[in-house]
Amino acid sequence: MLELEIPGFGTVRADHLVSDFTGTLAVDGKLLYGVEERLVVLAKSLKIHVVTSDTLGVVRSEMNGLPCILHILSGTDHDLQKEEYVRKLDPGKVIAIGNGKNDRRMLKAARIGIAVSGSEGCAVDALLNADIHARSAAEGLDLLMHPNRVKATLRF
């Protein structure tokens, strides 16, 4: 569990990290440098879920051996499916991270939403529905490894 008291924002007691894959943890289907190590560290305090459209069909091989629960979406309305996934976990106990337009609802539903930018960009809707913006997945994950950074960013 990640627990924080953030003045003006309230108490955060997160049990889950829900992340997108394509464009967030990976670029062109390849896990970004440093992400693997950060996920291993964070898995000691948070249950990590990777919820993805798996645009390139590589998430299973790229995430093989990592302490994550994979959920590959099917059909349509992936934005709604991601939001529902967060809601089933209890949104008050979720930190979400993503970059795409289909991440906007999960970022808004989560107790803390982190929008990340990288070489695949970040949808404006993701930014508008997040609590925090980070320049990369590594920086977004680092916020959780150093939670006082989150506190400094979100306090009123």
N, C-alpha and C. Protein backbone atom coordinates (compact mmCIF):
# COMPACT_ATOMS: atom_id res chain seq x y z
N MET A 1 0.84 -1.19 0.00
CA MET A 1 0.00 0.00 0.00
C MET A 1 0.88 1.24 0.00
N LEU A 2 0.44 2.21 -0.74
CA LEU A 2 1.08 3.53 -0.75
C LEU A 2 0.13 4.47 -0.03
N GLU A 3 0.60 5.05 1.06
CA GLU A 3 -0.26 5.91 1.87
C GLU A 3 0.35 7.30 1.98
N LEU A 4 -0.48 8.30 1.72
CA LEU A 4 -0.05 9.69 1.76
C LEU A 4 -1.15 10.57 2.34
N GLU A 5 -0.74 11.56 3.10
CA GLU A 5 -1.64 12.62 3.52
C GLU A 5 -1.22 13.85 2.73
N ILE A 6 -2.11 14.33 1.88
CA ILE A 6 -1.79 15.46 1.02
C ILE A 6 -2.69 16.63 1.40
N PRO A 7 -2.12 17.69 1.96
CA PRO A 7 -2.93 18.85 2.37
C PRO A 7 -3.79 19.38 1.21
N GLY A 8 -5.08 19.49 1.48
CA GLY A 8 -6.02 20.00 0.49
C GLY A 8 -6.49 18.97 -0.51
N PHE A 9 -5.78 17.88 -0.65
CA PHE A 9 -6.14 16.81 -1.60
C PHE A 9 -6.74 15.63 -0.85
N GLY A 10 -6.27 15.41 0.37
CA GLY A 10 -6.81 14.35 1.20
C GLY A 10 -5.87 13.16 1.35
N THR A 11 -6.42 12.12 1.94
CA THR A 11 -5.68 10.90 2.19
C THR A 11 -5.70 10.02 0.95
N VAL A 12 -4.55 9.47 0.65
CA VAL A 12 -4.43 8.50 -0.45
C VAL A 12 -3.96 7.20 0.17
N ARG A 13 -4.73 6.15 -0.05
CA ARG A 13 -4.35 4.80 0.37
C ARG A 13 -4.50 3.90 -0.85
N ALA A 14 -3.46 3.82 -1.62
CA ALA A 14 -3.52 3.09 -2.89
C ALA A 14 -2.99 1.67 -2.72
N ASP A 15 -3.75 0.72 -3.26
CA ASP A 15 -3.33 -0.68 -3.30
C ASP A 15 -2.94 -1.11 -4.71
N HIS A 16 -3.38 -0.34 -5.71
CA HIS A 16 -3.23 -0.76 -7.10
C HIS A 16 -2.62 0.35 -7.96
N LEU A 17 -1.78 -0.06 -8.90
CA LEU A 17 -1.32 0.80 -9.97
C LEU A 17 -1.87 0.18 -11.25
N VAL A 18 -2.68 0.95 -11.98
CA VAL A 18 -3.23 0.49 -13.26
C VAL A 18 -2.57 1.30 -14.35
N SER A 19 -1.92 0.60 -15.28
CA SER A 19 -1.18 1.29 -16.33
C SER A 19 -1.58 0.81 -17.71
N ASP A 20 -1.57 1.73 -18.63
CA ASP A 20 -1.63 1.43 -20.04
C ASP A 20 -0.26 0.89 -20.45
N PHE A 21 -0.18 0.27 -21.61
CA PHE A 21 1.10 -0.26 -22.11
C PHE A 21 1.62 0.55 -23.29
N THR A 22 0.90 0.52 -24.40
CA THR A 22 1.36 1.14 -25.64
C THR A 22 1.40 2.65 -25.51
N GLY A 23 2.58 3.22 -25.67
CA GLY A 23 2.76 4.66 -25.56
C GLY A 23 2.99 5.13 -24.14
N THR A 24 2.74 4.26 -23.18
CA THR A 24 2.95 4.62 -21.77
C THR A 24 4.19 3.91 -21.25
N LEU A 25 4.11 2.60 -21.10
CA LEU A 25 5.26 1.81 -20.63
C LEU A 25 6.17 1.39 -21.77
N ALA A 26 5.64 1.46 -22.98
CA ALA A 26 6.39 0.99 -24.15
C ALA A 26 6.24 1.96 -25.31
N VAL A 27 7.24 1.97 -26.17
CA VAL A 27 7.20 2.74 -27.41
C VAL A 27 7.50 1.78 -28.54
N ASP A 28 6.68 1.81 -29.57
CA ASP A 28 6.82 0.90 -30.70
C ASP A 28 6.86 -0.55 -30.25
N GLY A 29 6.13 -0.85 -29.17
CA GLY A 29 6.02 -2.22 -28.68
C GLY A 29 7.15 -2.67 -27.78
N LYS A 30 8.13 -1.83 -27.53
CA LYS A 30 9.27 -2.20 -26.68
C LYS A 30 9.19 -1.48 -25.34
N LEU A 31 9.32 -2.25 -24.27
CA LEU A 31 9.31 -1.67 -22.93
C LEU A 31 10.41 -0.61 -22.84
N LEU A 32 10.05 0.54 -22.30
CA LEU A 32 11.00 1.64 -22.18
C LEU A 32 12.11 1.33 -21.18
N TYR A 33 13.27 1.88 -21.45
CA TYR A 33 14.43 1.69 -20.57
C TYR A 33 14.08 2.14 -19.15
N GLY A 34 14.40 1.29 -18.19
CA GLY A 34 14.21 1.62 -16.78
C GLY A 34 12.84 1.29 -16.22
N VAL A 35 11.88 1.01 -17.07
CA VAL A 35 10.52 0.73 -16.59
C VAL A 35 10.48 -0.60 -15.85
N GLU A 36 11.14 -1.62 -16.40
CA GLU A 36 11.12 -2.94 -15.77
C GLU A 36 11.57 -2.87 -14.31
N GLU A 37 12.70 -2.23 -14.07
CA GLU A 37 13.24 -2.13 -12.71
C GLU A 37 12.28 -1.39 -11.79
N ARG A 38 11.68 -0.34 -12.29
CA ARG A 38 10.75 0.44 -11.47
C ARG A 38 9.50 -0.38 -11.12
N LEU A 39 9.00 -1.15 -12.07
CA LEU A 39 7.82 -1.98 -11.81
C LEU A 39 8.12 -3.04 -10.74
N VAL A 40 9.30 -3.61 -10.80
CA VAL A 40 9.70 -4.61 -9.80
C VAL A 40 9.72 -3.99 -8.40
N VAL A 41 10.27 -2.79 -8.29
CA VAL A 41 10.31 -2.11 -6.99
C VAL A 41 8.89 -1.77 -6.53
N LEU A 42 8.09 -1.20 -7.41
CA LEU A 42 6.73 -0.78 -7.03
C LEU A 42 5.84 -1.97 -6.68
N ALA A 43 6.11 -3.13 -7.25
CA ALA A 43 5.30 -4.32 -6.97
C ALA A 43 5.42 -4.77 -5.51
N LYS A 44 6.38 -4.24 -4.80
CA LYS A 44 6.52 -4.56 -3.38
C LYS A 44 5.48 -3.83 -2.54
N SER A 45 4.91 -2.74 -3.08
CA SER A 45 3.92 -1.99 -2.31
C SER A 45 2.58 -1.84 -3.02
N LEU A 46 2.54 -2.08 -4.32
CA LEU A 46 1.31 -1.94 -5.08
C LEU A 46 1.10 -3.17 -5.98
N LYS A 47 -0.14 -3.56 -6.14
CA LYS A 47 -0.46 -4.59 -7.13
C LYS A 47 -0.52 -3.88 -8.47
N ILE A 48 0.27 -4.34 -9.43
CA ILE A 48 0.38 -3.67 -10.72
C ILE A 48 -0.47 -4.39 -11.77
N HIS A 49 -1.29 -3.59 -12.44
CA HIS A 49 -2.17 -4.09 -13.50
C HIS A 49 -1.81 -3.35 -14.79
N VAL A 50 -1.61 -4.09 -15.85
CA VAL A 50 -1.39 -3.48 -17.16
C VAL A 50 -2.64 -3.79 -17.99
N VAL A 51 -3.37 -2.73 -18.30
CA VAL A 51 -4.64 -2.84 -19.02
C VAL A 51 -4.43 -2.17 -20.37
N THR A 52 -4.53 -2.95 -21.43
CA THR A 52 -4.08 -2.45 -22.72
C THR A 52 -4.90 -2.97 -23.89
N SER A 53 -4.94 -2.16 -24.92
CA SER A 53 -5.51 -2.58 -26.20
C SER A 53 -4.50 -3.46 -26.93
N ASP A 54 -3.26 -3.45 -26.50
CA ASP A 54 -2.16 -4.21 -27.09
C ASP A 54 -2.12 -4.03 -28.60
N THR A 55 -2.04 -2.78 -28.99
CA THR A 55 -2.09 -2.38 -30.39
C THR A 55 -1.14 -3.19 -31.27
N LEU A 56 0.04 -3.49 -30.77
CA LEU A 56 1.04 -4.19 -31.58
C LEU A 56 1.13 -5.69 -31.27
N GLY A 57 0.32 -6.17 -30.32
CA GLY A 57 0.27 -7.60 -30.02
C GLY A 57 1.53 -8.16 -29.35
N VAL A 58 2.22 -7.34 -28.56
CA VAL A 58 3.48 -7.79 -27.97
C VAL A 58 3.52 -7.72 -26.44
N VAL A 59 2.43 -7.31 -25.82
CA VAL A 59 2.48 -7.07 -24.37
C VAL A 59 2.87 -8.32 -23.59
N ARG A 60 2.39 -9.48 -23.99
CA ARG A 60 2.73 -10.71 -23.25
C ARG A 60 4.24 -10.97 -23.26
N SER A 61 4.86 -10.84 -24.40
CA SER A 61 6.30 -11.11 -24.47
C SER A 61 7.10 -10.01 -23.77
N GLU A 62 6.69 -8.76 -23.90
CA GLU A 62 7.43 -7.66 -23.28
C GLU A 62 7.30 -7.66 -21.76
N MET A 63 6.17 -8.10 -21.25
CA MET A 63 5.94 -8.08 -19.80
C MET A 63 6.22 -9.43 -19.14
N ASN A 64 6.67 -10.40 -19.92
CA ASN A 64 6.93 -11.75 -19.41
C ASN A 64 7.88 -11.71 -18.21
N GLY A 65 7.46 -12.34 -17.14
CA GLY A 65 8.29 -12.43 -15.94
C GLY A 65 8.17 -11.26 -14.98
N LEU A 66 7.46 -10.23 -15.37
CA LEU A 66 7.29 -9.08 -14.48
C LEU A 66 6.10 -9.30 -13.55
N PRO A 67 6.16 -8.73 -12.35
CA PRO A 67 5.09 -8.94 -11.36
C PRO A 67 3.87 -8.08 -11.66
N CYS A 68 3.19 -8.38 -12.76
CA CYS A 68 2.05 -7.60 -13.21
C CYS A 68 0.91 -8.51 -13.61
N ILE A 69 -0.29 -8.01 -13.45
CA ILE A 69 -1.48 -8.67 -13.95
C ILE A 69 -1.78 -8.05 -15.30
N LEU A 70 -1.81 -8.86 -16.35
CA LEU A 70 -2.11 -8.35 -17.69
C LEU A 70 -3.59 -8.52 -17.99
N HIS A 71 -4.17 -7.48 -18.55
CA HIS A 71 -5.55 -7.53 -19.00
C HIS A 71 -5.60 -6.92 -20.40
N ILE A 72 -5.79 -7.76 -21.40
CA ILE A 72 -5.84 -7.29 -22.77
C ILE A 72 -7.29 -7.08 -23.17
N LEU A 73 -7.59 -5.89 -23.60
CA LEU A 73 -8.95 -5.51 -23.95
C LEU A 73 -9.32 -6.07 -25.32
N SER A 74 -10.61 -6.28 -25.50
CA SER A 74 -11.10 -6.72 -26.80
C SER A 74 -12.30 -5.87 -27.18
N GLY A 75 -12.75 -6.04 -28.40
CA GLY A 75 -13.93 -5.31 -28.85
C GLY A 75 -13.65 -3.83 -29.01
N THR A 76 -14.65 -3.04 -28.64
CA THR A 76 -14.57 -1.59 -28.80
C THR A 76 -14.72 -0.90 -27.45
N ASP A 77 -14.74 0.41 -27.48
CA ASP A 77 -14.94 1.22 -26.28
C ASP A 77 -13.90 0.92 -25.20
N HIS A 78 -12.64 0.91 -25.60
CA HIS A 78 -11.57 0.60 -24.65
C HIS A 78 -11.47 1.64 -23.54
N ASP A 79 -11.88 2.87 -23.81
CA ASP A 79 -11.88 3.88 -22.76
C ASP A 79 -12.85 3.49 -21.65
N LEU A 80 -14.01 2.99 -22.02
CA LEU A 80 -15.00 2.56 -21.03
C LEU A 80 -14.55 1.30 -20.30
N GLN A 81 -13.90 0.38 -21.02
CA GLN A 81 -13.41 -0.84 -20.40
C GLN A 81 -12.32 -0.54 -19.37
N LYS A 82 -11.44 0.39 -19.68
CA LYS A 82 -10.38 0.77 -18.73
C LYS A 82 -10.97 1.42 -17.49
N GLU A 83 -11.95 2.29 -17.69
CA GLU A 83 -12.61 2.92 -16.54
C GLU A 83 -13.28 1.86 -15.68
N GLU A 84 -13.99 0.93 -16.29
CA GLU A 84 -14.67 -0.13 -15.55
C GLU A 84 -13.67 -0.99 -14.77
N TYR A 85 -12.53 -1.26 -15.36
CA TYR A 85 -11.50 -2.04 -14.67
C TYR A 85 -11.09 -1.33 -13.38
N VAL A 86 -10.86 -0.02 -13.46
CA VAL A 86 -10.50 0.76 -12.28
C VAL A 86 -11.63 0.74 -11.26
N ARG A 87 -12.84 0.90 -11.71
CA ARG A 87 -14.00 0.92 -10.80
C ARG A 87 -14.17 -0.41 -10.06
N LYS A 88 -13.90 -1.52 -10.73
CA LYS A 88 -14.01 -2.83 -10.08
C LYS A 88 -12.97 -3.02 -8.98
N LEU A 89 -11.83 -2.36 -9.12
CA LEU A 89 -10.79 -2.46 -8.09
C LEU A 89 -11.07 -1.57 -6.89
N ASP A 90 -11.91 -0.57 -7.04
CA ASP A 90 -12.20 0.49 -6.09
C ASP A 90 -11.33 1.69 -6.44
N PRO A 91 -11.89 2.63 -7.19
CA PRO A 91 -11.10 3.75 -7.70
C PRO A 91 -10.36 4.55 -6.63
N GLY A 92 -10.88 4.56 -5.40
CA GLY A 92 -10.21 5.28 -4.33
C GLY A 92 -8.89 4.65 -3.92
N LYS A 93 -8.65 3.42 -4.38
CA LYS A 93 -7.41 2.71 -4.04
C LYS A 93 -6.51 2.50 -5.25
N VAL A 94 -6.77 3.29 -6.32
CA VAL A 94 -6.05 3.11 -7.58
C VAL A 94 -5.29 4.37 -7.97
N ILE A 95 -4.07 4.16 -8.40
CA ILE A 95 -3.30 5.18 -9.11
C ILE A 95 -3.22 4.67 -10.55
N ALA A 96 -3.55 5.53 -11.50
CA ALA A 96 -3.54 5.13 -12.91
C ALA A 96 -2.53 5.96 -13.67
N ILE A 97 -1.95 5.35 -14.69
CA ILE A 97 -0.97 6.04 -15.51
C ILE A 97 -1.24 5.69 -16.98
N GLY A 98 -1.27 6.72 -17.81
CA GLY A 98 -1.52 6.49 -19.23
C GLY A 98 -1.23 7.72 -20.05
N ASN A 99 -1.33 7.57 -21.36
CA ASN A 99 -1.04 8.69 -22.26
C ASN A 99 -2.09 8.90 -23.34
N GLY A 100 -2.94 7.92 -23.56
CA GLY A 100 -3.83 7.96 -24.71
C GLY A 100 -5.21 8.49 -24.42
N LYS A 101 -5.89 8.82 -25.49
CA LYS A 101 -7.28 9.27 -25.38
C LYS A 101 -8.13 8.18 -24.71
N ASN A 102 -7.81 6.91 -24.97
CA ASN A 102 -8.57 5.83 -24.35
C ASN A 102 -8.19 5.60 -22.88
N ASP A 103 -7.26 6.39 -22.37
CA ASP A 103 -6.90 6.34 -20.94
C ASP A 103 -7.62 7.40 -20.12
N ARG A 104 -8.26 8.34 -20.78
CA ARG A 104 -8.79 9.51 -20.07
C ARG A 104 -9.77 9.15 -18.97
N ARG A 105 -10.63 8.19 -19.20
CA ARG A 105 -11.63 7.83 -18.18
C ARG A 105 -11.01 7.13 -16.98
N MET A 106 -10.03 6.28 -17.21
CA MET A 106 -9.40 5.61 -16.07
C MET A 106 -8.57 6.61 -15.26
N LEU A 107 -7.94 7.58 -15.95
CA LEU A 107 -7.17 8.60 -15.23
C LEU A 107 -8.08 9.43 -14.34
N LYS A 108 -9.25 9.76 -14.83
CA LYS A 108 -10.20 10.55 -14.05
C LYS A 108 -10.80 9.75 -12.90
N ALA A 109 -11.09 8.47 -13.15
CA ALA A 109 -11.73 7.62 -12.14
C ALA A 109 -10.80 7.29 -10.98
N ALA A 110 -9.51 7.15 -11.25
CA ALA A 110 -8.55 6.76 -10.22
C ALA A 110 -8.37 7.85 -9.17
N ARG A 111 -7.95 7.45 -7.99
CA ARG A 111 -7.68 8.43 -6.92
C ARG A 111 -6.62 9.42 -7.37
N ILE A 112 -5.60 8.91 -8.04
CA ILE A 112 -4.60 9.77 -8.66
C ILE A 112 -4.39 9.28 -10.09
N GLY A 113 -4.51 10.20 -11.03
CA GLY A 113 -4.24 9.90 -12.43
C GLY A 113 -2.98 10.61 -12.87
N ILE A 114 -2.09 9.86 -13.51
CA ILE A 114 -0.84 10.43 -14.00
C ILE A 114 -0.81 10.28 -15.52
N ALA A 115 -0.81 11.40 -16.21
CA ALA A 115 -0.67 11.40 -17.67
C ALA A 115 0.81 11.54 -17.99
N VAL A 116 1.29 10.71 -18.90
CA VAL A 116 2.70 10.78 -19.27
C VAL A 116 2.85 11.11 -20.75
N SER A 117 3.91 11.81 -21.04
CA SER A 117 4.26 12.13 -22.43
C SER A 117 5.53 11.38 -22.76
N GLY A 118 5.64 10.99 -23.98
CA GLY A 118 6.85 10.33 -24.44
C GLY A 118 6.93 10.55 -25.93
N SER A 119 7.68 9.70 -26.59
CA SER A 119 7.85 9.89 -28.02
C SER A 119 6.57 9.62 -28.80
N GLU A 120 5.59 8.95 -28.19
CA GLU A 120 4.29 8.76 -28.84
C GLU A 120 3.30 9.86 -28.46
N GLY A 121 3.73 10.81 -27.65
CA GLY A 121 2.89 11.93 -27.28
C GLY A 121 1.93 11.61 -26.16
N CYS A 122 1.06 12.57 -25.90
CA CYS A 122 0.03 12.42 -24.86
C CYS A 122 -1.22 13.12 -25.36
N ALA A 123 -2.32 12.41 -25.35
CA ALA A 123 -3.59 13.00 -25.80
C ALA A 123 -4.01 14.11 -24.84
N VAL A 124 -4.52 15.18 -25.39
CA VAL A 124 -4.96 16.30 -24.57
C VAL A 124 -6.04 15.85 -23.58
N ASP A 125 -6.93 14.96 -24.01
CA ASP A 125 -7.96 14.45 -23.10
C ASP A 125 -7.36 13.71 -21.92
N ALA A 126 -6.25 13.01 -22.13
CA ALA A 126 -5.57 12.34 -21.01
C ALA A 126 -5.04 13.39 -20.03
N LEU A 127 -4.42 14.43 -20.56
CA LEU A 127 -3.89 15.50 -19.71
C LEU A 127 -4.99 16.17 -18.89
N LEU A 128 -6.11 16.45 -19.55
CA LEU A 128 -7.19 17.17 -18.88
C LEU A 128 -7.89 16.35 -17.80
N ASN A 129 -7.74 15.03 -17.86
CA ASN A 129 -8.41 14.17 -16.88
C ASN A 129 -7.46 13.60 -15.83
N ALA A 130 -6.21 13.98 -15.89
CA ALA A 130 -5.21 13.51 -14.93
C ALA A 130 -5.02 14.53 -13.81
N ASP A 131 -4.42 14.08 -12.73
CA ASP A 131 -4.06 14.97 -11.63
C ASP A 131 -2.64 15.49 -11.79
N ILE A 132 -1.79 14.68 -12.43
CA ILE A 132 -0.38 14.99 -12.58
C ILE A 132 0.03 14.70 -14.01
N HIS A 133 0.96 15.49 -14.53
CA HIS A 133 1.59 15.19 -15.81
C HIS A 133 3.06 14.91 -15.54
N ALA A 134 3.58 13.85 -16.15
CA ALA A 134 5.01 13.53 -16.08
C ALA A 134 5.54 13.44 -17.50
N ARG A 135 6.82 13.76 -17.64
CA ARG A 135 7.42 13.79 -18.98
C ARG A 135 7.69 12.41 -19.56
N SER A 136 7.62 11.38 -18.73
CA SER A 136 7.87 10.01 -19.21
C SER A 136 7.28 9.02 -18.22
N ALA A 137 7.17 7.77 -18.65
CA ALA A 137 6.71 6.72 -17.75
C ALA A 137 7.68 6.56 -16.58
N ALA A 138 8.97 6.62 -16.88
CA ALA A 138 9.97 6.49 -15.80
C ALA A 138 9.76 7.57 -14.75
N GLU A 139 9.55 8.81 -15.19
CA GLU A 139 9.32 9.88 -14.22
C GLU A 139 8.00 9.70 -13.48
N GLY A 140 6.98 9.22 -14.16
CA GLY A 140 5.70 8.96 -13.50
C GLY A 140 5.83 7.88 -12.45
N LEU A 141 6.56 6.81 -12.76
CA LEU A 141 6.78 5.73 -11.79
C LEU A 141 7.68 6.20 -10.65
N ASP A 142 8.64 7.06 -10.97
CA ASP A 142 9.51 7.61 -9.93
C ASP A 142 8.71 8.40 -8.89
N LEU A 143 7.67 9.08 -9.34
CA LEU A 143 6.81 9.80 -8.39
C LEU A 143 6.29 8.86 -7.31
N LEU A 144 5.93 7.65 -7.71
CA LEU A 144 5.37 6.69 -6.76
C LEU A 144 6.45 6.06 -5.89
N MET A 145 7.68 6.01 -6.41
CA MET A 145 8.79 5.48 -5.62
C MET A 145 9.28 6.51 -4.60
N HIS A 146 8.95 7.79 -4.85
CA HIS A 146 9.30 8.89 -3.96
C HIS A 146 8.01 9.69 -3.71
N PRO A 147 7.12 9.16 -2.90
CA PRO A 147 5.77 9.73 -2.78
C PRO A 147 5.70 11.17 -2.28
N ASN A 148 6.75 11.67 -1.65
CA ASN A 148 6.71 13.08 -1.25
C ASN A 148 6.67 13.99 -2.47
N ARG A 149 7.12 13.50 -3.61
CA ARG A 149 7.02 14.27 -4.84
C ARG A 149 5.55 14.43 -5.24
N VAL A 150 4.78 13.38 -5.05
CA VAL A 150 3.34 13.44 -5.32
C VAL A 150 2.69 14.45 -4.38
N LYS A 151 3.07 14.36 -3.13
CA LYS A 151 2.53 15.28 -2.11
C LYS A 151 2.84 16.73 -2.47
N ALA A 152 4.08 16.99 -2.89
CA ALA A 152 4.47 18.36 -3.24
C ALA A 152 3.70 18.86 -4.46
N THR A 153 3.39 17.98 -5.38
CA THR A 153 2.69 18.36 -6.60
C THR A 153 1.20 18.61 -6.36
N LEU A 154 0.57 17.79 -5.53
CA LEU A 154 -0.89 17.85 -5.39
C LEU A 154 -1.39 18.66 -4.21
N ARG A 155 -0.51 19.08 -3.34
CA ARG A 155 -1.00 19.83 -2.16
C ARG A 155 -1.55 21.18 -2.58
N PHE A 156 -2.52 21.67 -1.84
CA PHE A 156 -3.09 23.00 -2.10
C PHE A 156 -2.27 24.04 -1.41
